[in-house]
Protein backbone atom coordinates (compact mmCIF):
# COMPACT_ATOMS: atom_id res chain seq x y z
CA MET A 1 33.09 9.13 84.72
CA LYS A 2 30.13 8.62 87.03
CA ARG A 3 27.63 5.70 87.27
CA ILE A 4 24.59 5.41 89.32
CA ARG A 5 21.87 2.60 89.95
CA TYR A 6 18.47 3.39 91.00
CA VAL A 7 15.06 1.88 91.31
CA SER A 8 11.71 3.53 91.15
CA SER A 9 8.08 2.67 91.07
CA MET A 10 6.00 3.60 88.13
CA ALA A 11 3.23 6.37 89.06
CA LYS A 12 1.00 4.32 86.70
CA PRO A 13 1.30 1.12 84.75
CA PHE A 14 3.30 1.59 81.54
CA THR A 15 1.96 0.16 78.32
CA GLU A 16 4.50 -1.47 75.88
CA ASP A 17 4.44 1.63 73.82
CA GLU A 18 4.95 4.06 76.62
CA VAL A 19 8.17 2.15 77.62
CA GLN A 20 9.30 2.18 73.96
CA LYS A 21 8.79 5.90 73.70
CA LEU A 22 10.34 6.60 77.06
CA VAL A 23 13.56 4.68 75.93
CA GLU A 24 13.49 6.19 72.36
CA LEU A 25 13.72 9.70 74.17
CA ALA A 26 16.36 8.63 76.57
CA GLN A 27 18.52 7.32 73.80
CA LYS A 28 18.26 10.59 71.82
CA HIS A 29 19.11 12.72 75.07
CA ASN A 30 21.73 10.30 76.09
CA LYS A 31 23.72 10.16 72.96
CA GLN A 32 23.74 14.02 72.97
CA LYS A 33 25.22 13.93 76.43
CA GLY A 34 27.34 11.06 76.35
CA ILE A 35 25.53 8.74 78.64
CA THR A 36 25.12 5.05 78.28
CA GLY A 37 23.14 2.44 80.25
CA MET A 38 20.27 0.26 80.52
CA LEU A 39 16.48 0.60 81.84
CA VAL A 40 14.72 -2.65 83.08
CA ALA A 41 10.97 -2.46 83.42
CA ALA A 42 9.52 -5.10 85.50
CA GLY A 43 5.79 -5.11 86.94
CA ASN A 44 5.59 -1.51 88.34
CA LYS A 45 9.31 -1.04 88.94
CA PHE A 46 11.99 0.38 86.98
CA TYR A 47 15.65 -0.29 87.49
CA GLN A 48 18.33 1.85 85.77
CA LEU A 49 21.97 1.99 85.43
CA ILE A 50 23.17 5.15 83.93
CA GLU A 51 26.92 6.16 83.17
CA GLY A 52 28.79 8.96 81.75
CA PRO A 53 30.29 12.36 82.51
CA GLY A 54 29.56 13.36 86.11
CA GLY A 55 27.66 16.63 85.43
CA ALA A 56 25.44 15.03 82.83
CA ILE A 57 24.65 11.91 85.10
CA ASP A 58 23.82 14.21 88.05
CA ALA A 59 21.56 16.52 85.73
CA LEU A 60 19.69 13.52 84.52
CA TYR A 61 19.14 11.95 87.77
CA LYS A 62 17.75 15.13 89.11
CA ARG A 63 15.30 15.20 86.25
CA ILE A 64 14.20 11.54 86.75
CA GLU A 65 13.65 12.40 90.57
CA LYS A 66 11.28 15.21 89.41
CA ASP A 67 9.77 13.04 86.65
CA PRO A 68 5.98 12.49 87.54
CA ARG A 69 6.15 9.17 85.74
CA HIS A 70 8.32 7.87 88.58
CA THR A 71 7.47 7.63 92.28
CA ASP A 72 9.50 6.34 95.22
CA VAL A 73 13.15 6.94 93.37
CA LYS A 74 15.83 5.29 95.56
CA LEU A 75 19.48 5.72 94.59
CA LEU A 76 21.09 2.16 95.07
CA SER A 77 24.61 3.10 94.22
CA ALA A 78 26.89 6.02 92.98
CA GLU A 79 30.54 5.63 91.73
CA SER A 80 32.78 7.83 90.13
CA GLY A 81 36.33 7.97 88.88
CA ASP A 82 38.50 6.26 86.32
CA MET A 83 36.44 3.25 85.17
CA ASP A 84 35.33 1.56 81.99
CA ARG A 85 31.89 1.75 80.94
CA LEU A 86 29.58 -1.39 81.44
CA TYR A 87 27.37 -0.46 78.28
CA PRO A 88 29.61 1.51 76.08
CA ASN A 89 27.51 0.66 72.81
CA TRP A 90 23.91 1.30 74.33
CA SER A 91 22.84 4.77 74.68
CA MET A 92 19.88 3.04 76.72
CA LEU A 93 19.40 -0.74 76.43
CA LYS A 94 15.55 -1.55 77.22
CA VAL A 95 14.77 -4.74 79.04
CA ASP A 96 10.99 -5.04 79.49
CA LEU A 97 10.59 -8.06 81.92
CA SER A 98 6.85 -7.45 81.78
CA LEU A 99 6.66 -8.36 78.13
CA VAL A 100 9.02 -11.09 77.88
CA GLU A 101 8.35 -14.65 79.29
CA HIS A 102 11.48 -16.28 78.80
CA GLU A 103 13.23 -18.77 81.27
CA LYS A 104 16.64 -17.07 80.95
CA LEU A 105 15.18 -13.97 82.21
CA ALA A 106 13.55 -15.24 85.46
CA PRO A 107 16.80 -14.80 87.43
CA ILE A 108 16.93 -11.27 86.31
CA GLN A 109 13.34 -10.74 87.73
CA THR A 110 14.52 -12.58 90.92
CA LEU A 111 17.40 -10.62 91.35
CA LEU A 112 15.78 -7.14 90.78
CA ASN A 113 13.10 -8.05 93.27
CA LYS A 114 15.75 -9.11 95.83
CA ALA A 115 17.51 -5.60 95.28
CA VAL A 116 14.51 -3.80 95.83
CA SER A 117 13.48 -5.42 98.97
CA GLN A 118 17.10 -5.40 100.37
CA ARG A 119 17.01 -1.49 99.75
CA GLU A 120 13.82 -1.28 101.67
CA LEU A 121 15.27 -3.26 104.53
CA LEU A 122 18.32 -1.07 104.65
CA ASP A 123 16.15 2.07 104.70
CA ASP A 124 14.05 0.45 107.56
CA ALA A 125 17.38 -0.59 109.48
CA LEU A 126 18.73 3.02 108.92
CA SER A 127 15.56 4.71 110.12
CA THR A 128 15.35 2.58 113.29
CA LEU A 129 19.16 3.10 114.04
CA GLU A 130 18.58 6.97 113.60
CA GLU A 131 15.50 6.76 116.05
CA CYS A 132 17.21 4.82 118.54
CA ILE A 133 20.39 7.17 118.56
CA CYS A 134 17.95 10.18 118.81
CA ARG A 135 16.19 8.49 121.74
CA VAL A 136 19.28 7.55 123.60
CA PHE A 137 21.06 10.89 123.20
CA THR A 138 17.73 12.76 123.99
CA ASP A 139 17.33 10.75 127.09
CA ASP A 140 20.94 11.40 128.22
CA GLU A 141 20.60 15.20 127.63
CA THR A 142 17.32 15.08 129.67
CA ALA A 143 19.00 13.26 132.57
CA GLU A 144 21.94 15.69 132.52
CA ASP A 145 19.52 18.80 132.58
CA ASP A 146 17.94 17.32 135.89
CA ASN A 147 21.30 17.37 137.51
């Protein structure tokens, strides 16, 4: 089994009906492919966890990356192996934080925002690390060429 988590931005704001249609299509597809999971819509962000057979998960994630309704798709984690499903009874649970005003959901919104910002910080840190390594070793090669 494989499980992935990702975040993305909505290419354009979704209405409640559009989110519902997206989830209904996902539920139908996921049942056929043995995929379970959940989708959180919050503001202009999606957070999704999908789990199931590795090939089906890989194919679905590739479709999501190419889906024009999503922009800035970022994989947060991927794991595979012998593990229990987190959402065995849901072909796709929908949590639309944009539509629900409930104090119990406030921590979910806060954690989602933290996850997105932490991912952005990690991306920035890795880019800076790669640039530094490139600069250091390019400078070393230039110095060696001068000798």
